[in-house]
Amino acid sequence: MKKFTLLLALALTALGAWAIYPGAAASQGYLMVIGSGRQNAATGAPELTTVWPDGRKEAQPLSAIKTGTDRYSTTAAVELHQAELLKINHLYAQQWRVVSVAQSTVGVGATTETIYLLEKR
């Protein structure tokens, strides 16, 4: 009887431990945030574009940022990066985490573009 009780207690303990063991979180896909200093043809302003895992795109024109002259180039770059940081922090609060950052210089006038790749955790 003692062996049976011990075996039953051990089996229940193992079953309980297995039931509460955290499983691997299913990936929700990746999300991209693209900060582009290039002026949008329609708005004439730099943009912050979010590409969601389902392929949906949201472009946010940053019309408050003045670009186009050397005098504004440093200020505009800082303001663009500030807008990117605010967006990343907003997504971080929704459980998105940055897994990769790529920066490139594109187009005429050497405009900076930063791409953030995020994953849901």
PDB file of N, CA and C in Angstrom:
ATOM      1  N   MET A   1       0.818  -1.195   0.000  1.00  0.00           N
ATOM      2  CA  MET A   1       0.000   0.000   0.000  1.00  0.00           C
ATOM      3  C   MET A   1       0.865   1.264   0.000  1.00  0.00           C
ATOM      4  N   LYS A   2       1.985   1.213   0.750  1.00  0.00           N
ATOM      5  CA  LYS A   2       2.878   2.363   0.809  1.00  0.00           C
ATOM      6  C   LYS A   2       3.468   2.642  -0.582  1.00  0.00           C
ATOM      7  N   LYS A   3       3.834   1.571  -1.288  1.00  0.00           N
ATOM      8  CA  LYS A   3       4.407   1.744  -2.618  1.00  0.00           C
ATOM      9  C   LYS A   3       3.385   2.350  -3.571  1.00  0.00           C
ATOM     10  N   PHE A   4       2.164   1.896  -3.477  1.00  0.00           N
ATOM     11  CA  PHE A   4       1.102   2.410  -4.341  1.00  0.00           C
ATOM     12  C   PHE A   4       0.852   3.892  -4.069  1.00  0.00           C
ATOM     13  N   THR A   5       0.799   4.297  -2.811  1.00  0.00           N
ATOM     14  CA  THR A   5       0.576   5.695  -2.432  1.00  0.00           C
ATOM     15  C   THR A   5       1.744   6.564  -2.906  1.00  0.00           C
ATOM     16  N   LEU A   6       2.949   6.064  -2.726  1.00  0.00           N
ATOM     17  CA  LEU A   6       4.130   6.800  -3.168  1.00  0.00           C
ATOM     18  C   LEU A   6       4.126   6.959  -4.694  1.00  0.00           C
ATOM     19  N   LEU A   7       3.807   5.899  -5.403  1.00  0.00           N
ATOM     20  CA  LEU A   7       3.738   5.946  -6.856  1.00  0.00           C
ATOM     21  C   LEU A   7       2.645   6.906  -7.331  1.00  0.00           C
ATOM     22  N   LEU A   8       1.506   6.889  -6.674  1.00  0.00           N
ATOM     23  CA  LEU A   8       0.406   7.773  -7.023  1.00  0.00           C
ATOM     24  C   LEU A   8       0.792   9.238  -6.778  1.00  0.00           C
ATOM     25  N   ALA A   9       1.435   9.520  -5.655  1.00  0.00           N
ATOM     26  CA  ALA A   9       1.876  10.886  -5.336  1.00  0.00           C
ATOM     27  C   ALA A   9       2.909  11.369  -6.348  1.00  0.00           C
ATOM     28  N   LEU A  10       3.837  10.481  -6.708  1.00  0.00           N
ATOM     29  CA  LEU A  10       4.857  10.831  -7.690  1.00  0.00           C
ATOM     30  C   LEU A  10       4.237  11.097  -9.064  1.00  0.00           C
ATOM     31  N   ALA A  11       3.275  10.289  -9.466  1.00  0.00           N
ATOM     32  CA  ALA A  11       2.601  10.459 -10.755  1.00  0.00           C
ATOM     33  C   ALA A  11       1.810  11.762 -10.789  1.00  0.00           C
ATOM     34  N   LEU A  12       1.117  12.073  -9.691  1.00  0.00           N
ATOM     35  CA  LEU A  12       0.351  13.316  -9.631  1.00  0.00           C
ATOM     36  C   LEU A  12       1.269  14.537  -9.647  1.00  0.00           C
ATOM     37  N   THR A  13       2.407  14.444  -8.985  1.00  0.00           N
ATOM     38  CA  THR A  13       3.373  15.540  -8.990  1.00  0.00           C
ATOM     39  C   THR A  13       3.921  15.762 -10.392  1.00  0.00           C
ATOM     40  N   ALA A  14       4.268  14.690 -11.067  1.00  0.00           N
ATOM     41  CA  ALA A  14       4.789  14.795 -12.429  1.00  0.00           C
ATOM     42  C   ALA A  14       3.735  15.364 -13.374  1.00  0.00           C
ATOM     43  N   LEU A  15       2.497  14.915 -13.224  1.00  0.00           N
ATOM     44  CA  LEU A  15       1.414  15.400 -14.063  1.00  0.00           C
ATOM     45  C   LEU A  15       1.149  16.885 -13.809  1.00  0.00           C
ATOM     46  N   GLY A  16       1.182  17.297 -12.550  1.00  0.00           N
ATOM     47  CA  GLY A  16       0.981  18.708 -12.211  1.00  0.00           C
ATOM     48  C   GLY A  16       2.106  19.581 -12.740  1.00  0.00           C
ATOM     49  N   ALA A  17       3.340  19.105 -12.644  1.00  0.00           N
ATOM     50  CA  ALA A  17       4.484  19.865 -13.155  1.00  0.00           C
ATOM     51  C   ALA A  17       4.397  20.005 -14.674  1.00  0.00           C
ATOM     52  N   TRP A  18       3.989  18.966 -15.347  1.00  0.00           N
ATOM     53  CA  TRP A  18       3.864  19.006 -16.795  1.00  0.00           C
ATOM     54  C   TRP A  18       2.749  19.962 -17.222  1.00  0.00           C
ATOM     55  N   ALA A  19       1.666  20.022 -16.452  1.00  0.00           N
ATOM     56  CA  ALA A  19       0.524  20.872 -16.801  1.00  0.00           C
ATOM     57  C   ALA A  19       0.865  22.353 -16.710  1.00  0.00           C
ATOM     58  N   ILE A  20       1.738  22.729 -15.783  1.00  0.00           N
ATOM     59  CA  ILE A  20       2.064  24.152 -15.623  1.00  0.00           C
ATOM     60  C   ILE A  20       3.356  24.542 -16.340  1.00  0.00           C
ATOM     61  N   TYR A  21       4.020  23.597 -16.989  1.00  0.00           N
ATOM     62  CA  TYR A  21       5.255  23.889 -17.712  1.00  0.00           C
ATOM     63  C   TYR A  21       4.946  24.832 -18.867  1.00  0.00           C
ATOM     64  N   PRO A  22       5.661  25.979 -18.941  1.00  0.00           N
ATOM     65  CA  PRO A  22       5.350  26.937 -20.017  1.00  0.00           C
ATOM     66  C   PRO A  22       5.765  26.396 -21.372  1.00  0.00           C
ATOM     67  N   GLY A  23       4.851  26.474 -22.310  1.00  0.00           N
ATOM     68  CA  GLY A  23       5.145  26.024 -23.668  1.00  0.00           C
ATOM     69  C   GLY A  23       5.811  27.143 -24.458  1.00  0.00           C
ATOM     70  N   ALA A  24       6.323  26.808 -25.595  1.00  0.00           N
ATOM     71  CA  ALA A  24       6.950  27.807 -26.465  1.00  0.00           C
ATOM     72  C   ALA A  24       5.867  28.735 -27.006  1.00  0.00           C
ATOM     73  N   ALA A  25       6.129  30.019 -26.948  1.00  0.00           N
ATOM     74  CA  ALA A  25       5.166  31.001 -27.445  1.00  0.00           C
ATOM     75  C   ALA A  25       5.105  30.933 -28.970  1.00  0.00           C
ATOM     76  N   ALA A  26       3.913  30.924 -29.475  1.00  0.00           N
ATOM     77  CA  ALA A  26       3.739  30.901 -30.924  1.00  0.00           C
ATOM     78  C   ALA A  26       4.106  32.267 -31.492  1.00  0.00           C
ATOM     79  N   SER A  27       4.849  32.250 -32.556  1.00  0.00           N
ATOM     80  CA  SER A  27       5.265  33.499 -33.175  1.00  0.00           C
ATOM     81  C   SER A  27       4.059  34.184 -33.813  1.00  0.00           C
ATOM     82  N   GLN A  28       3.975  35.488 -33.620  1.00  0.00           N
ATOM     83  CA  GLN A  28       2.893  36.277 -34.196  1.00  0.00           C
ATOM     84  C   GLN A  28       3.322  36.873 -35.537  1.00  0.00           C
ATOM     85  N   GLY A  29       4.523  36.568 -35.969  1.00  0.00           N
ATOM     86  CA  GLY A  29       5.054  37.150 -37.191  1.00  0.00           C
ATOM     87  C   GLY A  29       5.933  38.344 -36.874  1.00  0.00           C
ATOM     88  N   TYR A  30       6.402  38.980 -37.916  1.00  0.00           N
ATOM     89  CA  TYR A  30       7.285  40.132 -37.767  1.00  0.00           C
ATOM     90  C   TYR A  30       6.576  41.406 -38.204  1.00  0.00           C
ATOM     91  N   LEU A  31       7.040  42.498 -37.668  1.00  0.00           N
ATOM     92  CA  LEU A  31       6.518  43.812 -37.985  1.00  0.00           C
ATOM     93  C   LEU A  31       7.703  44.695 -38.349  1.00  0.00           C
ATOM     94  N   MET A  32       7.537  45.585 -39.317  1.00  0.00           N
ATOM     95  CA  MET A  32       8.620  46.496 -39.696  1.00  0.00           C
ATOM     96  C   MET A  32       8.179  47.938 -39.476  1.00  0.00           C
ATOM     97  N   VAL A  33       9.109  48.728 -38.961  1.00  0.00           N
ATOM     98  CA  VAL A  33       8.931  50.169 -38.879  1.00  0.00           C
ATOM     99  C   VAL A  33      10.041  50.782 -39.729  1.00  0.00           C
ATOM    100  N   ILE A  34       9.656  51.590 -40.697  1.00  0.00           N
ATOM    101  CA  ILE A  34      10.618  52.186 -41.620  1.00  0.00           C
ATOM    102  C   ILE A  34      10.554  53.703 -41.485  1.00  0.00           C
ATOM    103  N   GLY A  35      11.652  54.272 -41.051  1.00  0.00           N
ATOM    104  CA  GLY A  35      11.746  55.727 -40.962  1.00  0.00           C
ATOM    105  C   GLY A  35      12.525  56.229 -42.159  1.00  0.00           C
ATOM    106  N   SER A  36      11.885  57.029 -43.006  1.00  0.00           N
ATOM    107  CA  SER A  36      12.521  57.499 -44.226  1.00  0.00           C
ATOM    108  C   SER A  36      12.578  59.016 -44.251  1.00  0.00           C
ATOM    109  N   GLY A  37      13.779  59.533 -44.423  1.00  0.00           N
ATOM    110  CA  GLY A  37      13.967  60.969 -44.521  1.00  0.00           C
ATOM    111  C   GLY A  37      13.607  61.531 -45.882  1.00  0.00           C
ATOM    112  N   ARG A  38      13.338  60.648 -46.862  1.00  0.00           N
ATOM    113  CA  ARG A  38      12.942  61.115 -48.192  1.00  0.00           C
ATOM    114  C   ARG A  38      11.568  61.762 -48.124  1.00  0.00           C
ATOM    115  N   GLN A  39      11.387  62.794 -48.902  1.00  0.00           N
ATOM    116  CA  GLN A  39      10.099  63.469 -48.913  1.00  0.00           C
ATOM    117  C   GLN A  39       9.098  62.677 -49.737  1.00  0.00           C
ATOM    118  N   ASN A  40       7.928  62.466 -49.185  1.00  0.00           N
ATOM    119  CA  ASN A  40       6.842  61.806 -49.895  1.00  0.00           C
ATOM    120  C   ASN A  40       6.352  62.748 -50.989  1.00  0.00           C
ATOM    121  N   ALA A  41       6.088  62.214 -52.170  1.00  0.00           N
ATOM    122  CA  ALA A  41       5.657  63.037 -53.301  1.00  0.00           C
ATOM    123  C   ALA A  41       4.331  63.743 -53.015  1.00  0.00           C
ATOM    124  N   ALA A  42       3.436  63.076 -52.321  1.00  0.00           N
ATOM    125  CA  ALA A  42       2.115  63.657 -52.068  1.00  0.00           C
ATOM    126  C   ALA A  42       2.135  64.693 -50.952  1.00  0.00           C
ATOM    127  N   THR A  43       2.857  64.403 -49.866  1.00  0.00           N
ATOM    128  CA  THR A  43       2.825  65.296 -48.701  1.00  0.00           C
ATOM    129  C   THR A  43       4.028  66.218 -48.613  1.00  0.00           C
ATOM    130  N   GLY A  44       5.122  65.863 -49.257  1.00  0.00           N
ATOM    131  CA  GLY A  44       6.333  66.666 -49.179  1.00  0.00           C
ATOM    132  C   GLY A  44       7.041  66.545 -47.844  1.00  0.00           C
ATOM    133  N   ALA A  45       6.707  65.519 -47.073  1.00  0.00           N
ATOM    134  CA  ALA A  45       7.282  65.336 -45.733  1.00  0.00           C
ATOM    135  C   ALA A  45       7.917  63.959 -45.619  1.00  0.00           C
ATOM    136  N   PRO A  46       8.884  63.806 -44.712  1.00  0.00           N
ATOM    137  CA  PRO A  46       9.400  62.467 -44.448  1.00  0.00           C
ATOM    138  C   PRO A  46       8.293  61.598 -43.859  1.00  0.00           C
ATOM    139  N   GLU A  47       8.506  60.280 -43.864  1.00  0.00           N
ATOM    140  CA  GLU A  47       7.453  59.359 -43.408  1.00  0.00           C
ATOM    141  C   GLU A  47       7.967  58.337 -42.422  1.00  0.00           C
ATOM    142  N   LEU A  48       7.031  57.846 -41.643  1.00  0.00           N
ATOM    143  CA  LEU A  48       7.268  56.704 -40.773  1.00  0.00           C
ATOM    144  C   LEU A  48       6.236  55.659 -41.198  1.00  0.00           C
ATOM    145  N   THR A  49       6.713  54.556 -41.776  1.00  0.00           N
ATOM    146  CA  THR A  49       5.812  53.526 -42.298  1.00  0.00           C
ATOM    147  C   THR A  49       5.881  52.288 -41.421  1.00  0.00           C
ATOM    148  N   THR A  50       4.720  51.743 -41.079  1.00  0.00           N
ATOM    149  CA  THR A  50       4.630  50.505 -40.314  1.00  0.00           C
ATOM    150  C   THR A  50       4.041  49.434 -41.228  1.00  0.00           C
ATOM    151  N   VAL A  51       4.737  48.308 -41.344  1.00  0.00           N
ATOM    152  CA  VAL A  51       4.248  47.176 -42.131  1.00  0.00           C
ATOM    153  C   VAL A  51       3.918  46.067 -41.133  1.00  0.00           C
ATOM    154  N   TRP A  52       2.636  45.750 -41.000  1.00  0.00           N
ATOM    155  CA  TRP A  52       2.153  44.768 -40.026  1.00  0.00           C
ATOM    156  C   TRP A  52       2.329  43.348 -40.560  1.00  0.00           C
ATOM    157  N   PRO A  53       2.301  42.341 -39.686  1.00  0.00           N
ATOM    158  CA  PRO A  53       2.506  40.947 -40.118  1.00  0.00           C
ATOM    159  C   PRO A  53       1.533  40.480 -41.198  1.00  0.00           C
ATOM    160  N   ASP A  54       0.336  41.043 -41.245  1.00  0.00           N
ATOM    161  CA  ASP A  54      -0.636  40.628 -42.262  1.00  0.00           C
ATOM    162  C   ASP A  54      -0.451  41.361 -43.596  1.00  0.00           C
ATOM    163  N   GLY A  55       0.601  42.208 -43.690  1.00  0.00           N
ATOM    164  CA  GLY A  55       0.896  42.904 -44.930  1.00  0.00           C
ATOM    165  C   GLY A  55       0.315  44.310 -45.009  1.00  0.00           C
ATOM    166  N   ARG A  56      -0.508  44.660 -44.049  1.00  0.00           N
ATOM    167  CA  ARG A  56      -1.107  45.994 -44.029  1.00  0.00           C
ATOM    168  C   ARG A  56      -0.026  47.050 -43.783  1.00  0.00           C
ATOM    169  N   LYS A  57      -0.114  48.183 -44.499  1.00  0.00           N
ATOM    170  CA  LYS A  57       0.864  49.264 -44.355  1.00  0.00           C
ATOM    171  C   LYS A  57       0.177  50.514 -43.834  1.00  0.00           C
ATOM    172  N   GLU A  58       0.847  51.170 -42.896  1.00  0.00           N
ATOM    173  CA  GLU A  58       0.373  52.455 -42.383  1.00  0.00           C
ATOM    174  C   GLU A  58       1.504  53.460 -42.563  1.00  0.00           C
ATOM    175  N   ALA A  59       1.265  54.485 -43.360  1.00  0.00           N
ATOM    176  CA  ALA A  59       2.263  55.526 -43.570  1.00  0.00           C
ATOM    177  C   ALA A  59       1.846  56.764 -42.779  1.00  0.00           C
ATOM    178  N   GLN A  60       2.744  57.232 -41.945  1.00  0.00           N
ATOM    179  CA  GLN A  60       2.487  58.415 -41.132  1.00  0.00           C
ATOM    180  C   GLN A  60       3.399  59.539 -41.620  1.00  0.00           C
ATOM    181  N   PRO A  61       2.850  60.532 -42.327  1.00  0.00           N
ATOM    182  CA  PRO A  61       3.692  61.641 -42.761  1.00  0.00           C
ATOM    183  C   PRO A  61       4.116  62.477 -41.551  1.00  0.00           C
ATOM    184  N   LEU A  62       5.360  62.883 -41.540  1.00  0.00           N
ATOM    185  CA  LEU A  62       5.892  63.691 -40.443  1.00  0.00           C
ATOM    186  C   LEU A  62       6.043  65.124 -40.944  1.00  0.00           C
ATOM    187  N   SER A  63       4.913  65.772 -41.162  1.00  0.00           N
ATOM    188  CA  SER A  63       4.906  67.095 -41.791  1.00  0.00           C
ATOM    189  C   SER A  63       5.539  68.178 -40.919  1.00  0.00           C
ATOM    190  N   ALA A  64       5.704  67.942 -39.628  1.00  0.00           N
ATOM    191  CA  ALA A  64       6.330  68.937 -38.753  1.00  0.00           C
ATOM    192  C   ALA A  64       7.844  69.002 -38.957  1.00  0.00           C
ATOM    193  N   ILE A  65       8.410  67.994 -39.600  1.00  0.00           N
ATOM    194  CA  ILE A  65       9.862  67.959 -39.816  1.00  0.00           C
ATOM    195  C   ILE A  65      10.197  68.696 -41.099  1.00  0.00           C
ATOM    196  N   LYS A  66      11.030  69.707 -40.981  1.00  0.00           N
ATOM    197  CA  LYS A  66      11.435  70.505 -42.139  1.00  0.00           C
ATOM    198  C   LYS A  66      12.716  69.927 -42.734  1.00  0.00           C
ATOM    199  N   THR A  67      12.662  69.617 -44.026  1.00  0.00           N
ATOM    200  CA  THR A  67      13.830  69.088 -44.728  1.00  0.00           C
ATOM    201  C   THR A  67      14.094  69.941 -45.953  1.00  0.00           C
ATOM    202  N   GLY A  68      15.200  69.668 -46.609  1.00  0.00           N
ATOM    203  CA  GLY A  68      15.448  70.300 -47.893  1.00  0.00           C
ATOM    204  C   GLY A  68      16.644  71.231 -47.932  1.00  0.00           C
ATOM    205  N   THR A  69      17.111  71.721 -46.809  1.00  0.00           N
ATOM    206  CA  THR A  69      18.292  72.578 -46.828  1.00  0.00           C
ATOM    207  C   THR A  69      19.322  72.012 -45.864  1.00  0.00           C
ATOM    208  N   ASP A  70      20.571  72.386 -46.080  1.00  0.00           N
ATOM    209  CA  ASP A  70      21.634  71.910 -45.201  1.00  0.00           C
ATOM    210  C   ASP A  70      21.417  72.343 -43.764  1.00  0.00           C
ATOM    211  N   ARG A  71      20.812  73.513 -43.582  1.00  0.00           N
ATOM    212  CA  ARG A  71      20.589  74.041 -42.245  1.00  0.00           C
ATOM    213  C   ARG A  71      19.671  73.126 -41.433  1.00  0.00           C
ATOM    214  N   TYR A  72      18.719  72.497 -42.104  1.00  0.00           N
ATOM    215  CA  TYR A  72      17.754  71.657 -41.411  1.00  0.00           C
ATOM    216  C   TYR A  72      18.140  70.177 -41.363  1.00  0.00           C
ATOM    217  N   SER A  73      19.192  69.790 -42.070  1.00  0.00           N
ATOM    218  CA  SER A  73      19.476  68.364 -42.228  1.00  0.00           C
ATOM    219  C   SER A  73      19.733  67.657 -40.896  1.00  0.00           C
ATOM    220  N   THR A  74      20.538  68.235 -40.008  1.00  0.00           N
ATOM    221  CA  THR A  74      20.814  67.586 -38.728  1.00  0.00           C
ATOM    222  C   THR A  74      19.574  67.578 -37.848  1.00  0.00           C
ATOM    223  N   THR A  75      18.883  68.685 -37.786  1.00  0.00           N
ATOM    224  CA  THR A  75      17.669  68.782 -36.985  1.00  0.00           C
ATOM    225  C   THR A  75      16.616  67.804 -37.494  1.00  0.00           C
ATOM    226  N   ALA A  76      16.467  67.726 -38.802  1.00  0.00           N
ATOM    227  CA  ALA A  76      15.483  66.818 -39.388  1.00  0.00           C
ATOM    228  C   ALA A  76      15.828  65.371 -39.075  1.00  0.00           C
ATOM    229  N   ALA A  77      17.110  65.013 -39.141  1.00  0.00           N
ATOM    230  CA  ALA A  77      17.514  63.636 -38.834  1.00  0.00           C
ATOM    231  C   ALA A  77      17.207  63.285 -37.381  1.00  0.00           C
ATOM    232  N   VAL A  78      17.484  64.206 -36.476  1.00  0.00           N
ATOM    233  CA  VAL A  78      17.211  63.965 -35.050  1.00  0.00           C
ATOM    234  C   VAL A  78      15.707  63.835 -34.817  1.00  0.00           C
ATOM    235  N   GLU A  79      14.922  64.699 -35.439  1.00  0.00           N
ATOM    236  CA  GLU A  79      13.467  64.631 -35.271  1.00  0.00           C
ATOM    237  C   GLU A  79      12.886  63.350 -35.865  1.00  0.00           C
ATOM    238  N   LEU A  80      13.445  62.896 -36.973  1.00  0.00           N
ATOM    239  CA  LEU A  80      13.001  61.632 -37.572  1.00  0.00           C
ATOM    240  C   LEU A  80      13.305  60.467 -36.631  1.00  0.00           C
ATOM    241  N   HIS A  81      14.523  60.437 -36.079  1.00  0.00           N
ATOM    242  CA  HIS A  81      14.878  59.361 -35.152  1.00  0.00           C
ATOM    243  C   HIS A  81      14.045  59.436 -33.871  1.00  0.00           C
ATOM    244  N   GLN A  82      13.686  60.635 -33.461  1.00  0.00           N
ATOM    245  CA  GLN A  82      12.828  60.786 -32.285  1.00  0.00           C
ATOM    246  C   GLN A  82      11.444  60.193 -32.572  1.00  0.00           C
ATOM    247  N   ALA A  83      10.899  60.446 -33.756  1.00  0.00           N
ATOM    248  CA  ALA A  83       9.603  59.878 -34.139  1.00  0.00           C
ATOM    249  C   ALA A  83       9.678  58.354 -34.203  1.00  0.00           C
ATOM    250  N   GLU A  84      10.799  57.824 -34.720  1.00  0.00           N
ATOM    251  CA  GLU A  84      10.989  56.366 -34.764  1.00  0.00           C
ATOM    252  C   GLU A  84      11.008  55.791 -33.351  1.00  0.00           C
ATOM    253  N   LEU A  85      11.734  56.452 -32.454  1.00  0.00           N
ATOM    254  CA  LEU A  85      11.837  55.976 -31.074  1.00  0.00           C
ATOM    255  C   LEU A  85      10.483  55.978 -30.381  1.00  0.00           C
ATOM    256  N   LEU A  86       9.699  57.023 -30.592  1.00  0.00           N
ATOM    257  CA  LEU A  86       8.365  57.071 -29.996  1.00  0.00           C
ATOM    258  C   LEU A  86       7.498  55.915 -30.494  1.00  0.00           C
ATOM    259  N   LYS A  87       7.587  55.619 -31.801  1.00  0.00           N
ATOM    260  CA  LYS A  87       6.811  54.512 -32.378  1.00  0.00           C
ATOM    261  C   LYS A  87       7.279  53.165 -31.817  1.00  0.00           C
ATOM    262  N   ILE A  88       8.608  52.976 -31.725  1.00  0.00           N
ATOM    263  CA  ILE A  88       9.162  51.732 -31.192  1.00  0.00           C
ATOM    264  C   ILE A  88       8.734  51.551 -29.731  1.00  0.00           C
ATOM    265  N   ASN A  89       8.786  52.619 -28.938  1.00  0.00           N
ATOM    266  CA  ASN A  89       8.366  52.534 -27.529  1.00  0.00           C
ATOM    267  C   ASN A  89       6.880  52.208 -27.408  1.00  0.00           C
ATOM    268  N   HIS A  90       6.064  52.771 -28.309  1.00  0.00           N
ATOM    269  CA  HIS A  90       4.634  52.463 -28.317  1.00  0.00           C
ATOM    270  C   HIS A  90       4.401  50.975 -28.618  1.00  0.00           C
ATOM    271  N   LEU A  91       5.131  50.449 -29.588  1.00  0.00           N
ATOM    272  CA  LEU A  91       4.998  49.033 -29.943  1.00  0.00           C
ATOM    273  C   LEU A  91       5.568  48.131 -28.845  1.00  0.00           C
ATOM    274  N   TYR A  92       6.622  48.579 -28.174  1.00  0.00           N
ATOM    275  CA  TYR A  92       7.208  47.819 -27.068  1.00  0.00           C
ATOM    276  C   TYR A  92       6.165  47.613 -25.964  1.00  0.00           C
ATOM    277  N   ALA A  93       5.358  48.635 -25.709  1.00  0.00           N
ATOM    278  CA  ALA A  93       4.299  48.527 -24.707  1.00  0.00           C
ATOM    279  C   ALA A  93       3.238  47.507 -25.118  1.00  0.00           C
ATOM    280  N   GLN A  94       3.168  47.188 -26.414  1.00  0.00           N
ATOM    281  CA  GLN A  94       2.232  46.179 -26.924  1.00  0.00           C
ATOM    282  C   GLN A  94       2.912  44.818 -27.106  1.00  0.00           C
ATOM    283  N   GLN A  95       4.045  44.612 -26.435  1.00  0.00           N
ATOM    284  CA  GLN A  95       4.785  43.351 -26.423  1.00  0.00           C
ATOM    285  C   GLN A  95       5.592  43.079 -27.696  1.00  0.00           C
ATOM    286  N   TRP A  96       5.853  44.078 -28.530  1.00  0.00           N
ATOM    287  CA  TRP A  96       6.727  43.911 -29.684  1.00  0.00           C
ATOM    288  C   TRP A  96       8.148  44.224 -29.250  1.00  0.00           C
ATOM    289  N   ARG A  97       9.120  43.434 -29.717  1.00  0.00           N
ATOM    290  CA  ARG A  97      10.525  43.612 -29.362  1.00  0.00           C
ATOM    291  C   ARG A  97      11.366  43.747 -30.621  1.00  0.00           C
ATOM    292  N   VAL A  98      12.322  44.661 -30.595  1.00  0.00           N
ATOM    293  CA  VAL A  98      13.212  44.870 -31.741  1.00  0.00           C
ATOM    294  C   VAL A  98      14.175  43.690 -31.830  1.00  0.00           C
ATOM    295  N   VAL A  99      14.255  43.083 -33.018  1.00  0.00           N
ATOM    296  CA  VAL A  99      15.188  41.982 -33.229  1.00  0.00           C
ATOM    297  C   VAL A  99      16.284  42.352 -34.220  1.00  0.00           C
ATOM    298  N   SER A 100      16.067  43.416 -35.008  1.00  0.00           N
ATOM    299  CA  SER A 100      17.072  43.806 -35.988  1.00  0.00           C
ATOM    300  C   SER A 100      16.856  45.260 -36.397  1.00  0.00           C
ATOM    301  N   VAL A 101      17.969  45.940 -36.661  1.00  0.00           N
ATOM    302  CA  VAL A 101      17.921  47.311 -37.162  1.00  0.00           C
ATOM    303  C   VAL A 101      18.888  47.406 -38.332  1.00  0.00           C
ATOM    304  N   ALA A 102      18.431  47.996 -39.416  1.00  0.00           N
ATOM    305  CA  ALA A 102      19.292  48.225 -40.582  1.00  0.00           C
ATOM    306  C   ALA A 102      19.150  49.675 -40.995  1.00  0.00           C
ATOM    307  N   GLN A 103      20.268  50.281 -41.317  1.00  0.00           N
ATOM    308  CA  GLN A 103      20.236  51.677 -41.745  1.00  0.00           C
ATOM    309  C   GLN A 103      20.964  51.793 -43.068  1.00  0.00           C
ATOM    310  N   SER A 104      20.406  52.593 -43.947  1.00  0.00           N
ATOM    311  CA  SER A 104      21.047  52.774 -45.242  1.00  0.00           C
ATOM    312  C   SER A 104      20.897  54.222 -45.690  1.00  0.00           C
ATOM    313  N   THR A 105      21.709  54.584 -46.616  1.00  0.00           N
ATOM    314  CA  THR A 105      21.641  55.902 -47.220  1.00  0.00           C
ATOM    315  C   THR A 105      21.184  55.697 -48.652  1.00  0.00           C
ATOM    316  N   VAL A 106      20.068  56.323 -49.008  1.00  0.00           N
ATOM    317  CA  VAL A 106      19.469  56.064 -50.322  1.00  0.00           C
ATOM    318  C   VAL A 106      19.185  57.364 -51.054  1.00  0.00           C
ATOM    319  N   GLY A 107      19.132  57.261 -52.359  1.00  0.00           N
ATOM    320  CA  GLY A 107      18.672  58.351 -53.199  1.00  0.00           C
ATOM    321  C   GLY A 107      19.630  59.521 -53.332  1.00  0.00           C
ATOM    322  N   VAL A 108      19.178  60.474 -54.106  1.00  0.00           N
ATOM    323  CA  VAL A 108      19.938  61.699 -54.342  1.00  0.00           C
ATOM    324  C   VAL A 108      19.883  62.536 -53.068  1.00  0.00           C
ATOM    325  N   GLY A 109      21.020  63.044 -52.659  1.00  0.00           N
ATOM    326  CA  GLY A 109      21.058  63.850 -51.443  1.00  0.00           C
ATOM    327  C   GLY A 109      21.376  63.043 -50.206  1.00  0.00           C
ATOM    328  N   ALA A 110      21.683  61.751 -50.375  1.00  0.00           N
ATOM    329  CA  ALA A 110      22.098  60.887 -49.275  1.00  0.00           C
ATOM    330  C   ALA A 110      21.125  60.936 -48.098  1.00  0.00           C
ATOM    331  N   THR A 111      19.907  60.490 -48.330  1.00  0.00           N
ATOM    332  CA  THR A 111      18.880  60.460 -47.295  1.00  0.00           C
ATOM    333  C   THR A 111      18.981  59.167 -46.506  1.00  0.00           C
ATOM    334  N   THR A 112      18.880  59.288 -45.201  1.00  0.00           N
ATOM    335  CA  THR A 112      18.971  58.120 -44.330  1.00  0.00           C
ATOM    336  C   THR A 112      17.616  57.435 -44.217  1.00  0.00           C
ATOM    337  N   GLU A 113      17.656  56.115 -44.239  1.00  0.00           N
ATOM    338  CA  GLU A 113      16.458  55.301 -44.036  1.00  0.00           C
ATOM    339  C   GLU A 113      16.804  54.233 -43.004  1.00  0.00           C
ATOM    340  N   THR A 114      15.972  54.095 -41.982  1.00  0.00           N
ATOM    341  CA  THR A 114      16.210  53.112 -40.933  1.00  0.00           C
ATOM    342  C   THR A 114      15.043  52.135 -40.904  1.00  0.00           C
ATOM    343  N   ILE A 115      15.373  50.842 -40.884  1.00  0.00           N
ATOM    344  CA  ILE A 115      14.354  49.793 -40.864  1.00  0.00           C
ATOM    345  C   ILE A 115      14.514  49.001 -39.575  1.00  0.00           C
ATOM    346  N   TYR A 116      13.450  48.960 -38.792  1.00  0.00           N
ATOM    347  CA  TYR A 116      13.413  48.197 -37.545  1.00  0.00           C
ATOM    348  C   TYR A 116      12.543  46.972 -37.765  1.00  0.00           C
ATOM    349  N   LEU A 117      13.046  45.802 -37.413  1.00  0.00           N
ATOM    350  CA  LEU A 117      12.293  44.565 -37.502  1.00  0.00           C
ATOM    351  C   LEU A 117      11.922  44.174 -36.077  1.00  0.00           C
ATOM    352  N   LEU A 118      10.645  43.967 -35.816  1.00  0.00           N
ATOM    353  CA  LEU A 118      10.172  43.640 -34.485  1.00  0.00           C
ATOM    354  C   LEU A 118       9.453  42.292 -34.489  1.00  0.00           C
ATOM    355  N   GLU A 119       9.470  41.627 -33.341  1.00  0.00           N
ATOM    356  CA  GLU A 119       8.811  40.339 -33.178  1.00  0.00           C
ATOM    357  C   GLU A 119       7.947  40.392 -31.932  1.00  0.00           C
ATOM    358  N   LYS A 120       6.776  39.781 -31.990  1.00  0.00           N
ATOM    359  CA  LYS A 120       5.856  39.752 -30.844  1.00  0.00           C
ATOM    360  C   LYS A 120       6.360  38.710 -29.854  1.00  0.00           C
ATOM    361  N   ARG A 121       6.487  39.096 -28.591  1.00  0.00           N
ATOM    362  CA  ARG A 121       6.955  38.176 -27.549  1.00  0.00           C
ATOM    363  C   ARG A 121       5.889  37.949 -26.525  1.00  0.00           C
TER     364      ARG A 121
END
